[in-house]
PDB file of N, CA and C in Angstrom:
ATOM      1  N   MET A   1      57.388 158.498 124.691  1.00  0.00           N
ATOM      2  CA  MET A   1      56.216 159.194 125.146  1.00  0.00           C
ATOM      3  C   MET A   1      56.604 160.038 126.353  1.00  0.00           C
ATOM      4  N   SER A   2      56.279 161.322 126.315  1.00  0.00           N
ATOM      5  CA  SER A   2      56.642 162.194 127.422  1.00  0.00           C
ATOM      6  C   SER A   2      55.652 162.026 128.572  1.00  0.00           C
ATOM      7  N   GLU A   3      55.982 162.642 129.687  1.00  0.00           N
ATOM      8  CA  GLU A   3      55.142 162.545 130.874  1.00  0.00           C
ATOM      9  C   GLU A   3      53.786 163.218 130.665  1.00  0.00           C
ATOM     10  N   ASP A   4      53.713 164.198 129.756  1.00  0.00           N
ATOM     11  CA  ASP A   4      52.481 164.946 129.524  1.00  0.00           C
ATOM     12  C   ASP A   4      51.532 164.287 128.534  1.00  0.00           C
ATOM     13  N   THR A   5      51.983 163.274 127.822  1.00  0.00           N
ATOM     14  CA  THR A   5      51.110 162.659 126.827  1.00  0.00           C
ATOM     15  C   THR A   5      50.174 161.649 127.492  1.00  0.00           C
ATOM     16  N   ILE A   6      49.109 161.347 126.806  1.00  0.00           N
ATOM     17  CA  ILE A   6      48.121 160.392 127.316  1.00  0.00           C
ATOM     18  C   ILE A   6      48.396 159.041 126.687  1.00  0.00           C
ATOM     19  N   ASP A   7      48.576 158.038 127.521  1.00  0.00           N
ATOM     20  CA  ASP A   7      48.817 156.683 127.043  1.00  0.00           C
ATOM     21  C   ASP A   7      47.470 155.981 126.876  1.00  0.00           C
ATOM     22  N   PRO A   8      47.063 155.730 125.630  1.00  0.00           N
ATOM     23  CA  PRO A   8      45.761 155.091 125.396  1.00  0.00           C
ATOM     24  C   PRO A   8      45.622 153.718 126.050  1.00  0.00           C
ATOM     25  N   ASN A   9      46.736 153.060 126.342  1.00  0.00           N
ATOM     26  CA  ASN A   9      46.674 151.734 126.956  1.00  0.00           C
ATOM     27  C   ASN A   9      46.314 151.792 128.438  1.00  0.00           C
ATOM     28  N   HIS A  10      46.371 152.989 129.022  1.00  0.00           N
ATOM     29  CA  HIS A  10      46.092 153.124 130.454  1.00  0.00           C
ATOM     30  C   HIS A  10      44.902 154.048 130.723  1.00  0.00           C
ATOM     31  N   LEU A  11      44.001 154.163 129.792  1.00  0.00           N
ATOM     32  CA  LEU A  11      42.852 155.050 129.965  1.00  0.00           C
ATOM     33  C   LEU A  11      41.737 154.417 130.776  1.00  0.00           C
ATOM     34  N   PHE A  12      41.613 153.125 130.752  1.00  0.00           N
ATOM     35  CA  PHE A  12      40.452 152.460 131.324  1.00  0.00           C
ATOM     36  C   PHE A  12      40.856 151.497 132.433  1.00  0.00           C
ATOM     37  N   VAL A  13      40.075 151.516 133.508  1.00  0.00           N
ATOM     38  CA  VAL A  13      40.237 150.551 134.582  1.00  0.00           C
ATOM     39  C   VAL A  13      39.352 149.370 134.213  1.00  0.00           C
ATOM     40  N   GLU A  14      39.889 148.163 134.318  1.00  0.00           N
ATOM     41  CA  GLU A  14      39.113 146.979 133.946  1.00  0.00           C
ATOM     42  C   GLU A  14      37.934 146.802 134.882  1.00  0.00           C
ATOM     43  N   GLY A  15      36.789 146.558 134.295  1.00  0.00           N
ATOM     44  CA  GLY A  15      35.574 146.351 135.063  1.00  0.00           C
ATOM     45  C   GLY A  15      34.502 145.785 134.156  1.00  0.00           C
ATOM     46  N   PRO A  16      33.302 145.623 134.706  1.00  0.00           N
ATOM     47  CA  PRO A  16      32.235 144.991 133.924  1.00  0.00           C
ATOM     48  C   PRO A  16      31.791 145.796 132.709  1.00  0.00           C
ATOM     49  N   ARG A  17      32.050 147.086 132.706  1.00  0.00           N
ATOM     50  CA  ARG A  17      31.610 147.922 131.584  1.00  0.00           C
ATOM     51  C   ARG A  17      32.763 148.464 130.743  1.00  0.00           C
ATOM     52  N   THR A  18      33.935 147.940 130.920  1.00  0.00           N
ATOM     53  CA  THR A  18      35.104 148.474 130.230  1.00  0.00           C
ATOM     54  C   THR A  18      34.942 148.489 128.714  1.00  0.00           C
ATOM     55  N   ILE A  19      34.469 147.414 128.142  1.00  0.00           N
ATOM     56  CA  ILE A  19      34.322 147.350 126.685  1.00  0.00           C
ATOM     57  C   ILE A  19      33.303 148.385 126.215  1.00  0.00           C
ATOM     58  N   LEU A  20      32.217 148.518 126.955  1.00  0.00           N
ATOM     59  CA  LEU A  20      31.198 149.499 126.604  1.00  0.00           C
ATOM     60  C   LEU A  20      31.746 150.921 126.724  1.00  0.00           C
ATOM     61  N   GLU A  21      32.492 151.195 127.788  1.00  0.00           N
ATOM     62  CA  GLU A  21      33.099 152.515 127.967  1.00  0.00           C
ATOM     63  C   GLU A  21      34.063 152.830 126.826  1.00  0.00           C
ATOM     64  N   ARG A  22      34.924 151.883 126.499  1.00  0.00           N
ATOM     65  CA  ARG A  22      35.867 152.088 125.379  1.00  0.00           C
ATOM     66  C   ARG A  22      35.114 152.376 124.077  1.00  0.00           C
ATOM     67  N   THR A  23      34.027 151.660 123.871  1.00  0.00           N
ATOM     68  CA  THR A  23      33.239 151.842 122.654  1.00  0.00           C
ATOM     69  C   THR A  23      32.662 153.256 122.591  1.00  0.00           C
ATOM     70  N   PHE A  24      32.118 153.741 123.704  1.00  0.00           N
ATOM     71  CA  PHE A  24      31.531 155.078 123.710  1.00  0.00           C
ATOM     72  C   PHE A  24      32.597 156.162 123.569  1.00  0.00           C
ATOM     73  N   VAL A  25      33.740 155.983 124.222  1.00  0.00           N
ATOM     74  CA  VAL A  25      34.830 156.950 124.073  1.00  0.00           C
ATOM     75  C   VAL A  25      35.304 156.966 122.627  1.00  0.00           C
ATOM     76  N   ALA A  26      35.480 155.785 122.061  1.00  0.00           N
ATOM     77  CA  ALA A  26      35.912 155.694 120.658  1.00  0.00           C
ATOM     78  C   ALA A  26      34.883 156.333 119.734  1.00  0.00           C
ATOM     79  N   GLU A  27      33.593 156.123 120.019  1.00  0.00           N
ATOM     80  CA  GLU A  27      32.532 156.718 119.208  1.00  0.00           C
ATOM     81  C   GLU A  27      32.615 158.240 119.241  1.00  0.00           C
ATOM     82  N   TYR A  28      32.782 158.800 120.439  1.00  0.00           N
ATOM     83  CA  TYR A  28      32.867 160.258 120.565  1.00  0.00           C
ATOM     84  C   TYR A  28      34.076 160.800 119.813  1.00  0.00           C
ATOM     85  N   LEU A  29      35.217 160.157 120.015  1.00  0.00           N
ATOM     86  CA  LEU A  29      36.430 160.624 119.344  1.00  0.00           C
ATOM     87  C   LEU A  29      36.291 160.532 117.830  1.00  0.00           C
ATOM     88  N   LEU A  30      35.659 159.483 117.355  1.00  0.00           N
ATOM     89  CA  LEU A  30      35.451 159.328 115.913  1.00  0.00           C
ATOM     90  C   LEU A  30      34.553 160.442 115.370  1.00  0.00           C
ATOM     91  N   ILE A  31      33.533 160.794 116.130  1.00  0.00           N
ATOM     92  CA  ILE A  31      32.668 161.915 115.744  1.00  0.00           C
ATOM     93  C   ILE A  31      33.503 163.186 115.580  1.00  0.00           C
ATOM     94  N   LYS A  32      34.498 163.344 116.448  1.00  0.00           N
ATOM     95  CA  LYS A  32      35.366 164.521 116.411  1.00  0.00           C
ATOM     96  C   LYS A  32      36.523 164.385 115.422  1.00  0.00           C
ATOM     97  N   GLY A  33      36.635 163.200 114.791  1.00  0.00           N
ATOM     98  CA  GLY A  33      37.667 162.997 113.779  1.00  0.00           C
ATOM     99  C   GLY A  33      38.960 162.391 114.293  1.00  0.00           C
ATOM    100  N   TYR A  34      38.905 161.736 115.445  1.00  0.00           N
ATOM    101  CA  TYR A  34      40.097 161.144 116.051  1.00  0.00           C
ATOM    102  C   TYR A  34      39.865 159.679 116.388  1.00  0.00           C
ATOM    103  N   LEU A  35      40.969 158.987 116.621  1.00  0.00           N
ATOM    104  CA  LEU A  35      40.963 157.634 117.165  1.00  0.00           C
ATOM    105  C   LEU A  35      41.558 157.699 118.565  1.00  0.00           C
ATOM    106  N   ILE A  36      41.285 156.688 119.390  1.00  0.00           N
ATOM    107  CA  ILE A  36      41.893 156.653 120.720  1.00  0.00           C
ATOM    108  C   ILE A  36      43.416 156.696 120.606  1.00  0.00           C
ATOM    109  N   SER A  37      43.953 156.012 119.625  1.00  0.00           N
ATOM    110  CA  SER A  37      45.412 155.977 119.452  1.00  0.00           C
ATOM    111  C   SER A  37      45.991 157.335 119.066  1.00  0.00           C
ATOM    112  N   ASP A  38      45.165 158.275 118.610  1.00  0.00           N
ATOM    113  CA  ASP A  38      45.640 159.620 118.269  1.00  0.00           C
ATOM    114  C   ASP A  38      45.934 160.469 119.500  1.00  0.00           C
ATOM    115  N   LEU A  39      45.373 160.106 120.641  1.00  0.00           N
ATOM    116  CA  LEU A  39      45.507 160.939 121.832  1.00  0.00           C
ATOM    117  C   LEU A  39      46.952 161.168 122.251  1.00  0.00           C
ATOM    118  N   ASP A  40      47.789 160.149 122.117  1.00  0.00           N
ATOM    119  CA  ASP A  40      49.177 160.311 122.575  1.00  0.00           C
ATOM    120  C   ASP A  40      50.006 161.205 121.654  1.00  0.00           C
ATOM    121  N   SER A  41      49.516 161.503 120.459  1.00  0.00           N
ATOM    122  CA  SER A  41      50.274 162.368 119.555  1.00  0.00           C
ATOM    123  C   SER A  41      49.741 163.801 119.537  1.00  0.00           C
ATOM    124  N   LEU A  42      48.655 164.059 120.241  1.00  0.00           N
ATOM    125  CA  LEU A  42      48.092 165.405 120.312  1.00  0.00           C
ATOM    126  C   LEU A  42      48.762 166.205 121.425  1.00  0.00           C
ATOM    127  N   ARG A  43      48.653 167.531 121.336  1.00  0.00           N
ATOM    128  CA  ARG A  43      49.137 168.365 122.446  1.00  0.00           C
ATOM    129  C   ARG A  43      48.367 167.959 123.699  1.00  0.00           C
ATOM    130  N   PRO A  44      49.026 167.902 124.832  1.00  0.00           N
ATOM    131  CA  PRO A  44      48.374 167.413 126.059  1.00  0.00           C
ATOM    132  C   PRO A  44      47.061 168.120 126.387  1.00  0.00           C
ATOM    133  N   GLU A  45      47.002 169.433 126.212  1.00  0.00           N
ATOM    134  CA  GLU A  45      45.764 170.144 126.554  1.00  0.00           C
ATOM    135  C   GLU A  45      44.627 169.786 125.592  1.00  0.00           C
ATOM    136  N   VAL A  46      44.938 169.534 124.343  1.00  0.00           N
ATOM    137  CA  VAL A  46      43.924 169.119 123.365  1.00  0.00           C
ATOM    138  C   VAL A  46      43.430 167.714 123.701  1.00  0.00           C
ATOM    139  N   ALA A  47      44.364 166.810 123.967  1.00  0.00           N
ATOM    140  CA  ALA A  47      43.999 165.430 124.304  1.00  0.00           C
ATOM    141  C   ALA A  47      43.175 165.383 125.588  1.00  0.00           C
ATOM    142  N   THR A  48      43.566 166.182 126.568  1.00  0.00           N
ATOM    143  CA  THR A  48      42.832 166.213 127.835  1.00  0.00           C
ATOM    144  C   THR A  48      41.419 166.735 127.637  1.00  0.00           C
ATOM    145  N   ASP A  49      41.267 167.788 126.851  1.00  0.00           N
ATOM    146  CA  ASP A  49      39.933 168.329 126.576  1.00  0.00           C
ATOM    147  C   ASP A  49      39.064 167.309 125.837  1.00  0.00           C
ATOM    148  N   LEU A  50      39.630 166.662 124.824  1.00  0.00           N
ATOM    149  CA  LEU A  50      38.885 165.649 124.076  1.00  0.00           C
ATOM    150  C   LEU A  50      38.467 164.501 124.984  1.00  0.00           C
ATOM    151  N   LEU A  51      39.389 164.043 125.805  1.00  0.00           N
ATOM    152  CA  LEU A  51      39.087 162.924 126.695  1.00  0.00           C
ATOM    153  C   LEU A  51      38.043 163.311 127.737  1.00  0.00           C
ATOM    154  N   SER A  52      38.122 164.526 128.234  1.00  0.00           N
ATOM    155  CA  SER A  52      37.130 165.004 129.198  1.00  0.00           C
ATOM    156  C   SER A  52      35.734 165.005 128.579  1.00  0.00           C
ATOM    157  N   GLU A  53      35.618 165.518 127.372  1.00  0.00           N
ATOM    158  CA  GLU A  53      34.330 165.526 126.679  1.00  0.00           C
ATOM    159  C   GLU A  53      33.865 164.102 126.358  1.00  0.00           C
ATOM    160  N   ALA A  54      34.793 163.247 125.965  1.00  0.00           N
ATOM    161  CA  ALA A  54      34.451 161.848 125.672  1.00  0.00           C
ATOM    162  C   ALA A  54      33.935 161.141 126.920  1.00  0.00           C
ATOM    163  N   CYS A  55      34.504 161.455 128.067  1.00  0.00           N
ATOM    164  CA  CYS A  55      34.061 160.841 129.320  1.00  0.00           C
ATOM    165  C   CYS A  55      32.657 161.311 129.695  1.00  0.00           C
ATOM    166  N   LYS A  56      32.373 162.586 129.462  1.00  0.00           N
ATOM    167  CA  LYS A  56      31.022 163.099 129.722  1.00  0.00           C
ATOM    168  C   LYS A  56      30.014 162.412 128.799  1.00  0.00           C
ATOM    169  N   PHE A  57      30.373 162.293 127.532  1.00  0.00           N
ATOM    170  CA  PHE A  57      29.528 161.615 126.551  1.00  0.00           C
ATOM    171  C   PHE A  57      29.261 160.179 126.995  1.00  0.00           C
ATOM    172  N   THR A  58      30.314 159.501 127.431  1.00  0.00           N
ATOM    173  CA  THR A  58      30.207 158.113 127.879  1.00  0.00           C
ATOM    174  C   THR A  58      29.308 157.996 129.108  1.00  0.00           C
ATOM    175  N   ALA A  59      29.492 158.893 130.069  1.00  0.00           N
ATOM    176  CA  ALA A  59      28.665 158.854 131.280  1.00  0.00           C
ATOM    177  C   ALA A  59      27.193 159.058 130.949  1.00  0.00           C
ATOM    178  N   LEU A  60      26.918 159.977 130.035  1.00  0.00           N
ATOM    179  CA  LEU A  60      25.522 160.211 129.638  1.00  0.00           C
ATOM    180  C   LEU A  60      24.933 159.005 128.916  1.00  0.00           C
ATOM    181  N   ARG A  61      25.709 158.390 128.057  1.00  0.00           N
ATOM    182  CA  ARG A  61      25.223 157.201 127.337  1.00  0.00           C
ATOM    183  C   ARG A  61      24.935 156.056 128.310  1.00  0.00           C
ATOM    184  N   LEU A  62      25.843 155.843 129.273  1.00  0.00           N
ATOM    185  CA  LEU A  62      25.645 154.782 130.262  1.00  0.00           C
ATOM    186  C   LEU A  62      24.425 155.076 131.137  1.00  0.00           C
ATOM    187  N   ALA A  63      24.264 156.328 131.554  1.00  0.00           N
ATOM    188  CA  ALA A  63      23.111 156.704 132.375  1.00  0.00           C
ATOM    189  C   ALA A  63      21.815 156.492 131.601  1.00  0.00           C
ATOM    190  N   ASP A  64      21.840 156.824 130.318  1.00  0.00           N
ATOM    191  CA  ASP A  64      20.664 156.613 129.487  1.00  0.00           C
ATOM    192  C   ASP A  64      20.324 155.126 129.401  1.00  0.00           C
ATOM    193  N   MET A  65      21.333 154.308 129.223  1.00  0.00           N
ATOM    194  CA  MET A  65      21.100 152.863 129.140  1.00  0.00           C
ATOM    195  C   MET A  65      20.548 152.329 130.458  1.00  0.00           C
ATOM    196  N   ASP A  66      21.112 152.809 131.560  1.00  0.00           N
ATOM    197  CA  ASP A  66      20.622 152.365 132.872  1.00  0.00           C
ATOM    198  C   ASP A  66      19.177 152.792 133.099  1.00  0.00           C
ATOM    199  N   SER A  67      18.860 154.028 132.730  1.00  0.00           N
ATOM    200  CA  SER A  67      17.522 154.552 133.004  1.00  0.00           C
ATOM    201  C   SER A  67      16.449 153.913 132.131  1.00  0.00           C
ATOM    202  N   THR A  68      16.846 153.382 130.997  1.00  0.00           N
ATOM    203  CA  THR A  68      15.857 152.743 130.132  1.00  0.00           C
ATOM    204  C   THR A  68      15.734 151.253 130.418  1.00  0.00           C
ATOM    205  N   GLY A  69      16.462 150.778 131.417  1.00  0.00           N
ATOM    206  CA  GLY A  69      16.329 149.389 131.819  1.00  0.00           C
ATOM    207  C   GLY A  69      17.053 148.397 130.936  1.00  0.00           C
ATOM    208  N   LYS A  70      18.042 148.844 130.220  1.00  0.00           N
ATOM    209  CA  LYS A  70      18.763 147.921 129.353  1.00  0.00           C
ATOM    210  C   LYS A  70      19.739 147.042 130.127  1.00  0.00           C
ATOM    211  N   PHE A  71      19.910 147.328 131.430  1.00  0.00           N
ATOM    212  CA  PHE A  71      20.762 146.513 132.283  1.00  0.00           C
ATOM    213  C   PHE A  71      19.993 146.017 133.502  1.00  0.00           C
ATOM    214  N   PRO A  72      18.843 145.411 133.309  1.00  0.00           N
ATOM    215  CA  PRO A  72      18.047 144.991 134.470  1.00  0.00           C
ATOM    216  C   PRO A  72      18.754 143.956 135.334  1.00  0.00           C
ATOM    217  N   TRP A  73      19.625 143.146 134.744  1.00  0.00           N
ATOM    218  CA  TRP A  73      20.335 142.125 135.508  1.00  0.00           C
ATOM    219  C   TRP A  73      21.266 142.767 136.527  1.00  0.00           C
ATOM    220  N   GLU A  74      21.843 143.947 136.217  1.00  0.00           N
ATOM    221  CA  GLU A  74      22.697 144.625 137.194  1.00  0.00           C
ATOM    222  C   GLU A  74      21.888 145.105 138.379  1.00  0.00           C
ATOM    223  N   MET A  75      20.713 145.644 138.114  1.00  0.00           N
ATOM    224  CA  MET A  75      19.877 146.112 139.195  1.00  0.00           C
ATOM    225  C   MET A  75      19.443 144.945 140.076  1.00  0.00           C
ATOM    226  N   GLN A  76      19.137 143.826 139.474  1.00  0.00           N
ATOM    227  CA  GLN A  76      18.744 142.639 140.236  1.00  0.00           C
ATOM    228  C   GLN A  76      19.892 142.185 141.127  1.00  0.00           C
ATOM    229  N   LEU A  77      21.122 142.246 140.637  1.00  0.00           N
ATOM    230  CA  LEU A  77      22.272 141.859 141.450  1.00  0.00           C
ATOM    231  C   LEU A  77      22.440 142.782 142.643  1.00  0.00           C
ATOM    232  N   MET A  78      22.147 144.074 142.464  1.00  0.00           N
ATOM    233  CA  MET A  78      22.267 145.026 143.571  1.00  0.00           C
ATOM    234  C   MET A  78      21.194 144.778 144.617  1.00  0.00           C
ATOM    235  N   ILE A  79      20.017 144.377 144.183  1.00  0.00           N
ATOM    236  CA  ILE A  79      18.903 144.166 145.109  1.00  0.00           C
ATOM    237  C   ILE A  79      19.072 142.858 145.876  1.00  0.00           C
ATOM    238  N   SER A  80      19.407 141.788 145.186  1.00  0.00           N
ATOM    239  CA  SER A  80      19.596 140.506 145.873  1.00  0.00           C
ATOM    240  C   SER A  80      20.906 139.862 145.397  1.00  0.00           C
ATOM    241  N   PRO A  81      21.958 140.037 146.173  1.00  0.00           N
ATOM    242  CA  PRO A  81      23.279 139.536 145.763  1.00  0.00           C
ATOM    243  C   PRO A  81      23.424 138.018 145.786  1.00  0.00           C
ATOM    244  N   ASN A  82      22.395 137.281 146.134  1.00  0.00           N
ATOM    245  CA  ASN A  82      22.506 135.816 146.185  1.00  0.00           C
ATOM    246  C   ASN A  82      22.455 135.225 144.841  1.00  0.00           C
TER     247      ASN A  82
END
């Protein structure tokens, strides 16, 4: 793998929403006809553009979920950390 390719194993920082983020990125890429594992074999500029769009898609999906109250337990943790 060259320095310019995207390593799918290092795309996500582990956190409470990592699985959800991976799912949304994978969903977007699938809509476009790709798998996450395809990113390292694409031209770097194509992979970067796809990943950028996938990240925007993911951010919008997460914001939508937050705004509709599908994560009320997270908000409760922010309000009272006890």
